Amino acid sequence: MNVKVIITGATGMVGEGVLHECLQHPRISEILVLNRKSCGIVHPKLKEVLHADFFDLSAIEDKLPGYDACLFCLGISSVGMKEETFTKFTYDLTMHVATTLLKQNPSMVFCYISGAGTDGSEKGRIMWARVKGKTENHLEKLGFKKVYNFRPGYLNPTAGLKNTLTYYKYVSWMFPILKLVAGKYVSTLKELGLAMIHVATKAYPKSMLEVKDIVAAAAQEVSTPVY
């Protein structure tokens, strides 16, 4: 079974890496990228809708039906942000996009990237972790066919992509060492992309995917679809 996916955040490092895997994967038949600016990629599978305000998708709602999964890679750093602002651009924005997509695609699978250390209790001391935890929890209550929350740690970038953050150029050489000493927090961007594809096309027994689950889901065979 081939699936049609919507990807957000494709102009960032993570979103670009996920899009890269989707473009190459035989199970992904069509990709709709929702961006504020163009990702600059031309491919037979790819459609791109540019839209400035993700808090109001009414102008593009007619372009959203007919998709099986959303791979939500849109996000911002919490560094230097007050909780109110971070909540607006993390929880509020994600929930608005998710609610809009669900209305157009009642059988959709929603894949959300949060991060290692996310606080599902919503009561911890770390601000970003509480907000991400709230987002995870509320996504699961919306009514999607399935919600998968991904909690990656260090992501080794995919070679050749243009949106790789600069500091990765200086630390990527350490990846084999990190795998040895901190393996449960380390994966590749390729593994994250494949894991998202595989859970969207054939499911996974857990809805919360820590790094070890991301690696395991990435390695799943794709010959036996569940959905």
N, C-alpha and C. Protein backbone atom coordinates (compact mmCIF):
# COMPACT_ATOMS: atom_id res chain seq x y z
N MET A 1 0.83 -1.18 0.00
CA MET A 1 0.00 0.00 0.00
C MET A 1 0.87 1.24 0.00
N ASN A 2 0.67 2.10 -0.99
CA ASN A 2 1.40 3.36 -1.05
C ASN A 2 0.59 4.44 -0.34
N VAL A 3 1.28 5.41 0.24
CA VAL A 3 0.60 6.45 0.99
C VAL A 3 0.98 7.83 0.48
N LYS A 4 0.08 8.77 0.74
CA LYS A 4 0.29 10.17 0.42
C LYS A 4 0.51 10.91 1.73
N VAL A 5 1.56 11.72 1.78
CA VAL A 5 1.91 12.38 3.03
C VAL A 5 1.99 13.89 2.88
N ILE A 6 1.71 14.57 3.99
CA ILE A 6 1.94 16.00 4.11
C ILE A 6 3.13 16.20 5.04
N ILE A 7 4.06 17.06 4.64
CA ILE A 7 5.24 17.35 5.46
C ILE A 7 5.27 18.85 5.77
N THR A 8 5.48 19.18 7.03
CA THR A 8 5.72 20.57 7.42
C THR A 8 7.16 20.71 7.88
N GLY A 9 7.70 21.92 7.77
CA GLY A 9 9.05 22.18 8.25
C GLY A 9 10.15 21.70 7.33
N ALA A 10 9.86 21.58 6.04
CA ALA A 10 10.83 20.99 5.10
C ALA A 10 11.99 21.91 4.77
N THR A 11 11.95 23.16 5.24
CA THR A 11 13.10 24.05 5.03
C THR A 11 14.05 24.04 6.22
N GLY A 12 13.74 23.24 7.23
CA GLY A 12 14.65 23.05 8.35
C GLY A 12 15.46 21.78 8.17
N MET A 13 16.44 21.57 9.02
CA MET A 13 17.32 20.41 8.89
C MET A 13 16.55 19.10 9.00
N VAL A 14 15.70 18.99 10.02
CA VAL A 14 14.99 17.73 10.23
C VAL A 14 13.96 17.50 9.13
N GLY A 15 13.18 18.52 8.83
CA GLY A 15 12.17 18.37 7.79
C GLY A 15 12.75 18.05 6.44
N GLU A 16 13.87 18.68 6.12
CA GLU A 16 14.53 18.40 4.85
C GLU A 16 14.99 16.94 4.79
N GLY A 17 15.52 16.45 5.92
CA GLY A 17 15.97 15.06 5.96
C GLY A 17 14.83 14.08 5.81
N VAL A 18 13.70 14.37 6.45
CA VAL A 18 12.52 13.51 6.33
C VAL A 18 11.99 13.55 4.89
N LEU A 19 11.92 14.74 4.30
CA LEU A 19 11.48 14.87 2.91
C LEU A 19 12.41 14.09 1.98
N HIS A 20 13.70 14.15 2.22
CA HIS A 20 14.68 13.43 1.41
C HIS A 20 14.39 11.93 1.39
N GLU A 21 14.08 11.37 2.56
CA GLU A 21 13.78 9.93 2.63
C GLU A 21 12.45 9.61 1.93
N CYS A 22 11.47 10.50 2.08
CA CYS A 22 10.17 10.27 1.43
C CYS A 22 10.28 10.29 -0.08
N LEU A 23 11.09 11.17 -0.61
CA LEU A 23 11.26 11.26 -2.06
C LEU A 23 11.86 9.98 -2.63
N GLN A 24 12.67 9.31 -1.84
CA GLN A 24 13.34 8.10 -2.32
C GLN A 24 12.56 6.81 -2.03
N HIS A 25 11.58 6.89 -1.15
CA HIS A 25 10.95 5.67 -0.66
C HIS A 25 9.82 5.21 -1.58
N PRO A 26 9.83 3.92 -1.96
CA PRO A 26 8.81 3.43 -2.90
C PRO A 26 7.40 3.40 -2.34
N ARG A 27 7.25 3.42 -1.03
CA ARG A 27 5.91 3.37 -0.42
C ARG A 27 5.24 4.74 -0.37
N ILE A 28 6.00 5.80 -0.61
CA ILE A 28 5.43 7.16 -0.59
C ILE A 28 5.14 7.55 -2.04
N SER A 29 3.85 7.69 -2.35
CA SER A 29 3.46 7.97 -3.73
C SER A 29 3.29 9.46 -4.02
N GLU A 30 3.00 10.24 -3.00
CA GLU A 30 2.77 11.67 -3.21
C GLU A 30 3.10 12.43 -1.94
N ILE A 31 3.71 13.60 -2.11
CA ILE A 31 4.11 14.43 -0.97
C ILE A 31 3.61 15.85 -1.19
N LEU A 32 2.92 16.36 -0.19
CA LEU A 32 2.53 17.77 -0.17
C LEU A 32 3.33 18.46 0.92
N VAL A 33 4.15 19.42 0.53
CA VAL A 33 4.94 20.18 1.48
C VAL A 33 4.24 21.51 1.76
N LEU A 34 3.99 21.78 3.04
CA LEU A 34 3.44 23.07 3.46
C LEU A 34 4.57 23.91 4.02
N ASN A 35 4.88 25.00 3.35
CA ASN A 35 6.01 25.84 3.73
C ASN A 35 5.65 27.32 3.69
N ARG A 36 6.41 28.10 4.44
CA ARG A 36 6.31 29.55 4.31
C ARG A 36 7.17 30.04 3.14
N LYS A 37 8.26 29.35 2.89
CA LYS A 37 9.10 29.65 1.73
C LYS A 37 9.43 28.34 1.02
N SER A 38 9.80 28.42 -0.24
CA SER A 38 10.00 27.22 -1.04
C SER A 38 11.18 26.40 -0.54
N CYS A 39 11.03 25.09 -0.60
CA CYS A 39 12.14 24.19 -0.25
C CYS A 39 13.13 24.08 -1.41
N GLY A 40 12.75 24.55 -2.59
CA GLY A 40 13.66 24.57 -3.73
C GLY A 40 13.89 23.23 -4.38
N ILE A 41 12.99 22.28 -4.15
CA ILE A 41 13.15 20.93 -4.72
C ILE A 41 12.06 20.68 -5.74
N VAL A 42 12.46 20.14 -6.88
CA VAL A 42 11.51 19.75 -7.92
C VAL A 42 11.58 18.24 -8.07
N HIS A 43 10.42 17.56 -7.98
CA HIS A 43 10.38 16.10 -8.05
C HIS A 43 8.97 15.69 -8.47
N PRO A 44 8.85 14.61 -9.26
CA PRO A 44 7.51 14.18 -9.70
C PRO A 44 6.54 13.87 -8.56
N LYS A 45 7.04 13.44 -7.42
CA LYS A 45 6.17 13.12 -6.27
C LYS A 45 5.70 14.36 -5.52
N LEU A 46 6.41 15.46 -5.71
CA LEU A 46 6.30 16.59 -4.79
C LEU A 46 5.38 17.70 -5.28
N LYS A 47 4.48 18.12 -4.38
CA LYS A 47 3.71 19.34 -4.55
C LYS A 47 4.05 20.25 -3.39
N GLU A 48 4.07 21.55 -3.65
CA GLU A 48 4.41 22.49 -2.60
C GLU A 48 3.37 23.59 -2.54
N VAL A 49 2.89 23.87 -1.32
CA VAL A 49 1.96 24.97 -1.09
C VAL A 49 2.64 25.96 -0.15
N LEU A 50 2.80 27.19 -0.62
CA LEU A 50 3.41 28.23 0.20
C LEU A 50 2.31 29.04 0.88
N HIS A 51 2.47 29.19 2.18
CA HIS A 51 1.44 29.88 2.96
C HIS A 51 2.11 30.56 4.15
N ALA A 52 1.81 31.83 4.35
CA ALA A 52 2.53 32.61 5.35
C ALA A 52 2.07 32.37 6.77
N ASP A 53 0.77 32.15 6.97
CA ASP A 53 0.21 32.12 8.32
C ASP A 53 -0.34 30.74 8.66
N PHE A 54 0.41 29.97 9.43
CA PHE A 54 -0.01 28.62 9.80
C PHE A 54 -1.07 28.62 10.91
N PHE A 55 -1.39 29.81 11.43
CA PHE A 55 -2.48 29.91 12.39
C PHE A 55 -3.83 30.09 11.69
N ASP A 56 -3.79 30.30 10.39
CA ASP A 56 -5.01 30.44 9.59
C ASP A 56 -4.79 29.75 8.25
N LEU A 57 -5.28 28.53 8.14
CA LEU A 57 -5.09 27.74 6.92
C LEU A 57 -6.32 27.74 6.02
N SER A 58 -7.27 28.63 6.31
CA SER A 58 -8.53 28.61 5.57
C SER A 58 -8.34 28.79 4.07
N ALA A 59 -7.36 29.58 3.68
CA ALA A 59 -7.14 29.86 2.25
C ALA A 59 -6.62 28.65 1.48
N ILE A 60 -6.07 27.66 2.18
CA ILE A 60 -5.50 26.49 1.49
C ILE A 60 -6.17 25.18 1.90
N GLU A 61 -7.25 25.25 2.64
CA GLU A 61 -7.90 24.02 3.12
C GLU A 61 -8.32 23.10 1.98
N ASP A 62 -8.67 23.68 0.84
CA ASP A 62 -9.13 22.85 -0.28
C ASP A 62 -8.00 22.03 -0.89
N LYS A 63 -6.76 22.32 -0.53
CA LYS A 63 -5.62 21.57 -1.04
C LYS A 63 -5.19 20.45 -0.11
N LEU A 64 -5.84 20.31 1.04
CA LEU A 64 -5.37 19.39 2.08
C LEU A 64 -6.03 18.01 2.11
N PRO A 65 -7.22 17.80 1.54
CA PRO A 65 -7.84 16.47 1.62
C PRO A 65 -7.09 15.42 0.78
N GLY A 66 -7.29 14.16 1.17
CA GLY A 66 -6.78 13.05 0.37
C GLY A 66 -5.43 12.52 0.79
N TYR A 67 -4.98 12.86 2.00
CA TYR A 67 -3.67 12.42 2.47
C TYR A 67 -3.80 11.44 3.63
N ASP A 68 -2.85 10.52 3.68
CA ASP A 68 -2.90 9.43 4.66
C ASP A 68 -2.15 9.74 5.94
N ALA A 69 -1.14 10.60 5.85
CA ALA A 69 -0.30 10.88 7.02
C ALA A 69 0.25 12.28 6.96
N CYS A 70 0.51 12.84 8.14
CA CYS A 70 1.25 14.10 8.25
C CYS A 70 2.53 13.82 9.03
N LEU A 71 3.65 14.24 8.48
CA LEU A 71 4.94 14.15 9.15
C LEU A 71 5.29 15.57 9.58
N PHE A 72 4.99 15.87 10.84
CA PHE A 72 5.06 17.24 11.33
C PHE A 72 6.46 17.53 11.87
N CYS A 73 7.24 18.26 11.09
CA CYS A 73 8.63 18.54 11.44
C CYS A 73 8.87 20.01 11.73
N LEU A 74 7.80 20.78 11.83
CA LEU A 74 7.90 22.21 12.08
C LEU A 74 8.15 22.46 13.56
N GLY A 75 9.13 23.30 13.85
CA GLY A 75 9.43 23.58 15.25
C GLY A 75 10.43 24.71 15.39
N ILE A 76 10.54 25.25 16.60
CA ILE A 76 11.48 26.33 16.87
C ILE A 76 12.27 26.00 18.13
N SER A 77 13.41 26.66 18.26
CA SER A 77 14.22 26.51 19.46
C SER A 77 13.62 27.30 20.61
N SER A 78 13.75 26.79 21.81
CA SER A 78 13.25 27.49 23.00
C SER A 78 14.27 28.46 23.58
N VAL A 79 15.47 28.47 23.02
CA VAL A 79 16.55 29.29 23.58
C VAL A 79 16.16 30.77 23.56
N GLY A 80 16.19 31.39 24.73
CA GLY A 80 15.89 32.81 24.84
C GLY A 80 14.42 33.16 24.77
N MET A 81 13.54 32.18 24.73
CA MET A 81 12.11 32.43 24.61
C MET A 81 11.40 32.36 25.95
N LYS A 82 10.39 33.20 26.10
CA LYS A 82 9.51 33.08 27.23
C LYS A 82 8.51 31.96 26.96
N GLU A 83 8.00 31.37 28.03
CA GLU A 83 7.10 30.23 27.88
C GLU A 83 5.87 30.57 27.04
N GLU A 84 5.33 31.76 27.20
CA GLU A 84 4.13 32.15 26.45
C GLU A 84 4.38 32.13 24.94
N THR A 85 5.54 32.66 24.54
CA THR A 85 5.87 32.71 23.11
C THR A 85 6.17 31.32 22.58
N PHE A 86 6.94 30.54 23.34
CA PHE A 86 7.26 29.18 22.90
C PHE A 86 6.00 28.33 22.80
N THR A 87 5.08 28.51 23.73
CA THR A 87 3.82 27.77 23.68
C THR A 87 3.02 28.13 22.43
N LYS A 88 2.99 29.41 22.11
CA LYS A 88 2.25 29.84 20.91
C LYS A 88 2.76 29.16 19.66
N PHE A 89 4.08 29.13 19.49
CA PHE A 89 4.66 28.61 18.26
C PHE A 89 4.97 27.11 18.31
N THR A 90 4.66 26.49 19.42
CA THR A 90 4.84 25.03 19.54
C THR A 90 3.48 24.37 19.73
N TYR A 91 2.88 24.57 20.88
CA TYR A 91 1.59 23.93 21.15
C TYR A 91 0.46 24.50 20.29
N ASP A 92 0.25 25.82 20.36
CA ASP A 92 -0.89 26.42 19.65
C ASP A 92 -0.83 26.17 18.15
N LEU A 93 0.32 26.41 17.57
CA LEU A 93 0.46 26.24 16.12
C LEU A 93 0.26 24.80 15.71
N THR A 94 0.88 23.88 16.43
CA THR A 94 0.76 22.45 16.10
C THR A 94 -0.69 22.00 16.20
N MET A 95 -1.37 22.39 17.25
CA MET A 95 -2.75 21.97 17.43
C MET A 95 -3.66 22.55 16.36
N HIS A 96 -3.39 23.78 15.95
CA HIS A 96 -4.23 24.38 14.90
C HIS A 96 -4.04 23.63 13.57
N VAL A 97 -2.79 23.38 13.20
CA VAL A 97 -2.54 22.65 11.96
C VAL A 97 -3.14 21.24 12.04
N ALA A 98 -2.93 20.57 13.16
CA ALA A 98 -3.43 19.21 13.32
C ALA A 98 -4.95 19.16 13.22
N THR A 99 -5.61 20.09 13.89
CA THR A 99 -7.08 20.12 13.87
C THR A 99 -7.61 20.35 12.46
N THR A 100 -6.95 21.23 11.73
CA THR A 100 -7.36 21.51 10.35
C THR A 100 -7.17 20.28 9.46
N LEU A 101 -6.03 19.61 9.61
CA LEU A 101 -5.77 18.42 8.79
C LEU A 101 -6.73 17.29 9.13
N LEU A 102 -7.05 17.14 10.40
CA LEU A 102 -7.96 16.07 10.81
C LEU A 102 -9.35 16.28 10.21
N LYS A 103 -9.78 17.52 10.15
CA LYS A 103 -11.09 17.83 9.57
C LYS A 103 -11.14 17.42 8.10
N GLN A 104 -10.02 17.57 7.41
CA GLN A 104 -9.97 17.24 5.98
C GLN A 104 -9.63 15.77 5.73
N ASN A 105 -9.01 15.13 6.72
CA ASN A 105 -8.53 13.74 6.56
C ASN A 105 -8.80 12.94 7.83
N PRO A 106 -10.04 12.48 8.04
CA PRO A 106 -10.42 11.82 9.30
C PRO A 106 -9.65 10.54 9.60
N SER A 107 -9.06 9.92 8.58
CA SER A 107 -8.33 8.67 8.79
C SER A 107 -6.81 8.87 8.78
N MET A 108 -6.39 10.08 9.03
CA MET A 108 -4.96 10.41 8.94
C MET A 108 -4.16 9.88 10.13
N VAL A 109 -2.91 9.49 9.86
CA VAL A 109 -1.90 9.19 10.88
C VAL A 109 -1.06 10.45 11.06
N PHE A 110 -0.83 10.86 12.31
CA PHE A 110 -0.09 12.10 12.59
C PHE A 110 1.20 11.76 13.31
N CYS A 111 2.33 12.15 12.73
CA CYS A 111 3.65 11.91 13.32
C CYS A 111 4.24 13.25 13.76
N TYR A 112 4.54 13.36 15.04
CA TYR A 112 5.00 14.62 15.62
C TYR A 112 6.40 14.45 16.20
N ILE A 113 7.28 15.39 15.91
CA ILE A 113 8.64 15.35 16.46
C ILE A 113 8.72 16.27 17.66
N SER A 114 8.99 15.71 18.82
CA SER A 114 9.20 16.52 20.02
C SER A 114 10.69 16.48 20.36
N GLY A 115 11.12 15.60 21.24
CA GLY A 115 12.54 15.51 21.54
C GLY A 115 12.80 14.68 22.78
N ALA A 116 14.00 14.14 22.87
CA ALA A 116 14.39 13.38 24.06
C ALA A 116 14.29 14.27 25.29
N GLY A 117 13.69 13.76 26.33
CA GLY A 117 13.52 14.53 27.56
C GLY A 117 12.20 15.24 27.66
N THR A 118 11.33 15.06 26.68
CA THR A 118 10.00 15.68 26.74
C THR A 118 9.26 15.19 27.99
N ASP A 119 8.55 16.12 28.64
CA ASP A 119 7.91 15.85 29.92
C ASP A 119 6.41 15.59 29.73
N GLY A 120 6.05 14.31 29.67
CA GLY A 120 4.66 13.95 29.48
C GLY A 120 3.76 14.29 30.65
N SER A 121 4.33 14.55 31.84
CA SER A 121 3.53 14.93 32.99
C SER A 121 3.09 16.39 32.92
N GLU A 122 3.79 17.16 32.10
CA GLU A 122 3.54 18.60 31.93
C GLU A 122 3.81 19.40 33.20
N LYS A 123 4.52 18.83 34.15
CA LYS A 123 4.71 19.48 35.45
C LYS A 123 6.18 19.69 35.82
N GLY A 124 7.09 19.31 34.94
CA GLY A 124 8.51 19.41 35.27
C GLY A 124 9.04 20.82 35.28
N ARG A 125 10.30 20.97 35.63
CA ARG A 125 10.93 22.29 35.75
C ARG A 125 11.39 22.85 34.42
N ILE A 126 11.58 22.00 33.41
CA ILE A 126 12.12 22.47 32.13
C ILE A 126 10.99 22.91 31.22
N MET A 127 11.01 24.19 30.85
CA MET A 127 9.88 24.79 30.13
C MET A 127 9.58 24.10 28.81
N TRP A 128 10.59 23.94 27.96
CA TRP A 128 10.33 23.38 26.63
C TRP A 128 9.77 21.96 26.75
N ALA A 129 10.26 21.21 27.73
CA ALA A 129 9.83 19.82 27.90
C ALA A 129 8.37 19.75 28.32
N ARG A 130 7.93 20.68 29.18
CA ARG A 130 6.51 20.73 29.56
C ARG A 130 5.62 21.05 28.37
N VAL A 131 6.03 22.04 27.57
CA VAL A 131 5.22 22.46 26.42
C VAL A 131 5.14 21.35 25.39
N LYS A 132 6.26 20.71 25.12
CA LYS A 132 6.26 19.59 24.18
C LYS A 132 5.40 18.44 24.71
N GLY A 133 5.48 18.18 26.01
CA GLY A 133 4.66 17.13 26.60
C GLY A 133 3.18 17.42 26.47
N LYS A 134 2.80 18.66 26.71
CA LYS A 134 1.41 19.06 26.54
C LYS A 134 0.96 18.85 25.10
N THR A 135 1.82 19.20 24.16
CA THR A 135 1.49 19.03 22.74
C THR A 135 1.30 17.56 22.41
N GLU A 136 2.21 16.71 22.84
CA GLU A 136 2.07 15.27 22.63
C GLU A 136 0.74 14.76 23.18
N ASN A 137 0.47 15.10 24.42
CA ASN A 137 -0.74 14.59 25.09
C ASN A 137 -2.02 15.02 24.39
N HIS A 138 -2.08 16.26 23.99
CA HIS A 138 -3.30 16.77 23.38
C HIS A 138 -3.48 16.28 21.95
N LEU A 139 -2.38 16.04 21.25
CA LEU A 139 -2.48 15.46 19.91
C LEU A 139 -3.15 14.08 19.98
N GLU A 140 -2.79 13.31 20.98
CA GLU A 140 -3.32 11.95 21.10
C GLU A 140 -4.82 11.93 21.39
N LYS A 141 -5.36 13.06 21.85
CA LYS A 141 -6.78 13.14 22.19
C LYS A 141 -7.64 13.69 21.05
N LEU A 142 -7.02 14.10 19.95
CA LEU A 142 -7.77 14.79 18.89
C LEU A 142 -8.68 13.86 18.10
N GLY A 143 -8.28 12.60 17.93
CA GLY A 143 -9.11 11.67 17.17
C GLY A 143 -8.50 11.19 15.87
N PHE A 144 -7.20 11.37 15.70
CA PHE A 144 -6.52 10.81 14.53
C PHE A 144 -6.59 9.28 14.56
N LYS A 145 -6.44 8.69 13.40
CA LYS A 145 -6.37 7.23 13.33
C LYS A 145 -5.27 6.71 14.25
N LYS A 146 -4.14 7.41 14.24
CA LYS A 146 -3.04 7.09 15.13
C LYS A 146 -2.13 8.31 15.24
N VAL A 147 -1.61 8.56 16.43
CA VAL A 147 -0.60 9.60 16.64
C VAL A 147 0.67 8.94 17.12
N TYR A 148 1.78 9.30 16.50
CA TYR A 148 3.10 8.83 16.94
C TYR A 148 3.93 10.03 17.32
N ASN A 149 4.46 10.02 18.54
CA ASN A 149 5.31 11.10 19.03
C ASN A 149 6.76 10.61 19.03
N PHE A 150 7.61 11.33 18.31
CA PHE A 150 9.01 10.96 18.16
C PHE A 150 9.87 11.83 19.07
N ARG A 151 10.78 11.17 19.80
CA ARG A 151 11.64 11.87 20.74
C ARG A 151 13.11 11.63 20.42
N PRO A 152 13.60 12.21 19.33
CA PRO A 152 15.01 12.01 18.98
C PRO A 152 15.93 12.77 19.91
N GLY A 153 17.17 12.27 20.01
CA GLY A 153 18.21 12.98 20.73
C GLY A 153 19.14 13.63 19.71
N TYR A 154 20.43 13.23 19.76
CA TYR A 154 21.36 13.72 18.75
C TYR A 154 21.05 13.05 17.42
N LEU A 155 20.91 13.84 16.37
CA LEU A 155 20.64 13.32 15.03
C LEU A 155 21.83 13.58 14.13
N ASN A 156 22.48 12.53 13.68
CA ASN A 156 23.58 12.73 12.74
C ASN A 156 22.99 13.09 11.39
N PRO A 157 23.43 14.21 10.80
CA PRO A 157 22.79 14.70 9.58
C PRO A 157 23.04 13.80 8.37
N THR A 158 22.18 13.98 7.38
CA THR A 158 22.32 13.27 6.11
C THR A 158 23.25 14.08 5.22
N ALA A 159 24.27 13.44 4.69
CA ALA A 159 25.26 14.14 3.87
C ALA A 159 24.62 14.73 2.63
N GLY A 160 25.05 15.93 2.28
CA GLY A 160 24.63 16.56 1.04
C GLY A 160 23.41 17.44 1.11
N LEU A 161 22.72 17.47 2.25
CA LEU A 161 21.54 18.31 2.36
C LEU A 161 21.94 19.74 2.74
N LYS A 162 21.16 20.71 2.28
CA LYS A 162 21.60 22.10 2.36
C LYS A 162 21.25 22.80 3.68
N ASN A 163 20.31 22.23 4.44
CA ASN A 163 19.86 22.92 5.65
C ASN A 163 20.47 22.36 6.93
N THR A 164 21.55 21.61 6.80
CA THR A 164 22.24 21.10 7.98
C THR A 164 22.79 22.25 8.81
N LEU A 165 22.50 22.25 10.11
CA LEU A 165 22.99 23.32 10.97
C LEU A 165 24.51 23.34 10.99
N THR A 166 25.08 24.53 11.02
CA THR A 166 26.52 24.70 10.85
C THR A 166 27.35 23.89 11.84
N TYR A 167 26.93 23.86 13.11
CA TYR A 167 27.78 23.21 14.12
C TYR A 167 27.92 21.72 13.89
N TYR A 168 26.98 21.12 13.13
CA TYR A 168 27.10 19.69 12.85
C TYR A 168 28.35 19.38 12.02
N LYS A 169 28.80 20.36 11.26
CA LYS A 169 30.02 20.15 10.45
C LYS A 169 31.23 19.89 11.33
N TYR A 170 31.15 20.37 12.58
CA TYR A 170 32.29 20.25 13.48
C TYR A 170 32.18 19.08 14.45
N VAL A 171 30.98 18.49 14.56
CA VAL A 171 30.80 17.42 15.54
C VAL A 171 30.43 16.07 14.90
N SER A 172 30.07 16.07 13.62
CA SER A 172 29.63 14.82 13.00
C SER A 172 30.70 13.74 13.02
N TRP A 173 31.97 14.14 13.01
CA TRP A 173 33.05 13.15 13.04
C TRP A 173 33.02 12.33 14.33
N MET A 174 32.34 12.86 15.36
CA MET A 174 32.27 12.16 16.65
C MET A 174 31.15 11.14 16.71
N PHE A 175 30.36 11.03 15.64
CA PHE A 175 29.18 10.16 15.68
C PHE A 175 29.49 8.72 16.11
N PRO A 176 30.54 8.06 15.55
CA PRO A 176 30.83 6.69 16.00
C PRO A 176 31.13 6.60 17.50
N ILE A 177 31.79 7.63 18.03
CA ILE A 177 32.11 7.64 19.46
C ILE A 177 30.83 7.83 20.28
N LEU A 178 29.97 8.75 19.82
CA LEU A 178 28.71 8.98 20.52
C LEU A 178 27.85 7.72 20.54
N LYS A 179 27.88 6.97 19.45
CA LYS A 179 27.12 5.72 19.40
C LYS A 179 27.59 4.74 20.46
N LEU A 180 28.88 4.75 20.72
CA LEU A 180 29.44 3.83 21.70
C LEU A 180 29.13 4.25 23.13
N VAL A 181 29.26 5.55 23.42
CA VAL A 181 29.17 6.00 24.81
C VAL A 181 27.76 6.50 25.19
N ALA A 182 26.96 6.85 24.20
CA ALA A 182 25.62 7.38 24.51
C ALA A 182 24.61 6.91 23.47
N GLY A 183 24.67 5.62 23.17
CA GLY A 183 23.87 5.06 22.08
C GLY A 183 22.37 5.28 22.20
N LYS A 184 21.86 5.29 23.45
CA LYS A 184 20.41 5.41 23.60
C LYS A 184 19.89 6.82 23.32
N TYR A 185 20.82 7.76 23.08
CA TYR A 185 20.42 9.13 22.74
C TYR A 185 20.83 9.53 21.32
N VAL A 186 21.31 8.57 20.54
CA VAL A 186 21.92 8.90 19.25
C VAL A 186 21.30 8.09 18.13
N SER A 187 20.95 8.78 17.05
CA SER A 187 20.50 8.12 15.83
C SER A 187 20.87 9.00 14.66
N THR A 188 20.50 8.58 13.48
CA THR A 188 20.77 9.39 12.29
C THR A 188 19.47 10.04 11.82
N LEU A 189 19.61 11.11 11.08
CA LEU A 189 18.44 11.76 10.49
C LEU A 189 17.77 10.82 9.50
N LYS A 190 18.55 10.02 8.82
CA LYS A 190 17.99 9.01 7.91
C LYS A 190 17.09 8.03 8.67
N GLU A 191 17.55 7.58 9.84
CA GLU A 191 16.74 6.65 10.64
C GLU A 191 15.43 7.31 11.08
N LEU A 192 15.49 8.57 11.45
CA LEU A 192 14.27 9.27 11.85
C LEU A 192 13.29 9.33 10.68
N GLY A 193 13.78 9.68 9.49
CA GLY A 193 12.92 9.74 8.32
C GLY A 193 12.30 8.41 7.99
N LEU A 194 13.10 7.36 8.02
CA LEU A 194 12.58 6.02 7.72
C LEU A 194 11.59 5.55 8.78
N ALA A 195 11.87 5.88 10.03
CA ALA A 195 10.94 5.49 11.11
C ALA A 195 9.58 6.15 10.91
N MET A 196 9.58 7.40 10.54
CA MET A 196 8.32 8.11 10.32
C MET A 196 7.55 7.49 9.15
N ILE A 197 8.26 7.15 8.10
CA ILE A 197 7.64 6.51 6.94
C ILE A 197 7.06 5.16 7.33
N HIS A 198 7.82 4.37 8.06
CA HIS A 198 7.38 3.01 8.39
C HIS A 198 6.19 2.98 9.34
N VAL A 199 6.16 3.88 10.33
CA VAL A 199 5.00 3.87 11.21
C VAL A 199 3.76 4.38 10.48
N ALA A 200 3.95 5.26 9.51
CA ALA A 200 2.81 5.78 8.75
C ALA A 200 2.26 4.75 7.78
N THR A 201 3.10 3.82 7.34
CA THR A 201 2.66 2.84 6.34
C THR A 201 2.32 1.48 6.93
N LYS A 202 2.85 1.16 8.10
CA LYS A 202 2.57 -0.18 8.65
C LYS A 202 2.45 -0.22 10.17
N ALA A 203 2.49 0.92 10.84
CA ALA A 203 2.27 1.01 12.28
C ALA A 203 3.48 0.59 13.11
N TYR A 204 3.37 0.79 14.43
CA TYR A 204 4.40 0.45 15.40
C TYR A 204 3.69 0.22 16.73
N PRO A 205 4.17 -0.70 17.56
CA PRO A 205 3.43 -1.04 18.79
C PRO A 205 3.40 0.06 19.84
N LYS A 206 4.27 1.05 19.75
CA LYS A 206 4.28 2.14 20.72
C LYS A 206 3.90 3.45 20.03
N SER A 207 3.19 4.30 20.77
CA SER A 207 2.87 5.61 20.22
C SER A 207 3.94 6.64 20.56
N MET A 208 4.74 6.36 21.58
CA MET A 208 5.83 7.22 21.99
C MET A 208 7.14 6.56 21.59
N LEU A 209 7.88 7.17 20.69
CA LEU A 209 9.10 6.56 20.17
C LEU A 209 10.32 7.29 20.70
N GLU A 210 11.00 6.66 21.67
CA GLU A 210 12.29 7.15 22.12
C GLU A 210 13.33 6.76 21.06
N VAL A 211 14.59 7.13 21.30
CA VAL A 211 15.62 6.90 20.28
C VAL A 211 15.72 5.42 19.90
N LYS A 212 15.70 4.51 20.88
CA LYS A 212 15.81 3.09 20.56
C LYS A 212 14.64 2.62 19.70
N ASP A 213 13.46 3.22 19.90
CA ASP A 213 12.29 2.87 19.09
C ASP A 213 12.42 3.45 17.69
N ILE A 214 12.99 4.63 17.58
CA ILE A 214 13.21 5.23 16.26
C ILE A 214 14.13 4.34 15.43
N VAL A 215 15.20 3.87 16.05
CA VAL A 215 16.14 2.98 15.34
C VAL A 215 15.45 1.67 14.95
N ALA A 216 14.65 1.12 15.87
CA ALA A 216 13.94 -0.13 15.59
C ALA A 216 12.91 0.04 14.49
N ALA A 217 12.14 1.13 14.54
CA ALA A 217 11.13 1.38 13.51
C ALA A 217 11.77 1.62 12.15
N ALA A 218 12.92 2.26 12.14
CA ALA A 218 13.62 2.50 10.87
C ALA A 218 14.05 1.20 10.22
N ALA A 219 14.33 0.20 11.04
CA ALA A 219 14.83 -1.08 10.52
C ALA A 219 13.71 -2.04 10.13
N GLN A 220 12.45 -1.66 10.37
CA GLN A 220 11.33 -2.55 10.05
C GLN A 220 11.29 -2.86 8.55
N GLU A 221 10.95 -4.10 8.25
CA GLU A 221 10.69 -4.45 6.86
C GLU A 221 9.40 -3.75 6.41
N VAL A 222 9.35 -3.40 5.14
CA VAL A 222 8.19 -2.64 4.64
C VAL A 222 7.28 -3.47 3.76
N SER A 223 7.41 -4.77 3.81
CA SER A 223 6.66 -5.62 2.88
C SER A 223 5.25 -5.99 3.38
N THR A 224 4.97 -5.74 4.66
CA THR A 224 3.69 -6.17 5.22
C THR A 224 2.93 -5.00 5.81
N PRO A 225 2.18 -4.28 5.01
CA PRO A 225 1.46 -3.11 5.52
C PRO A 225 0.36 -3.50 6.49
N VAL A 226 0.10 -2.64 7.47
CA VAL A 226 -0.98 -2.85 8.42
C VAL A 226 -2.19 -2.02 8.03
N TYR A 227 -1.95 -0.79 7.57
CA TYR A 227 -3.07 0.08 7.26
C TYR A 227 -3.59 -0.21 5.86
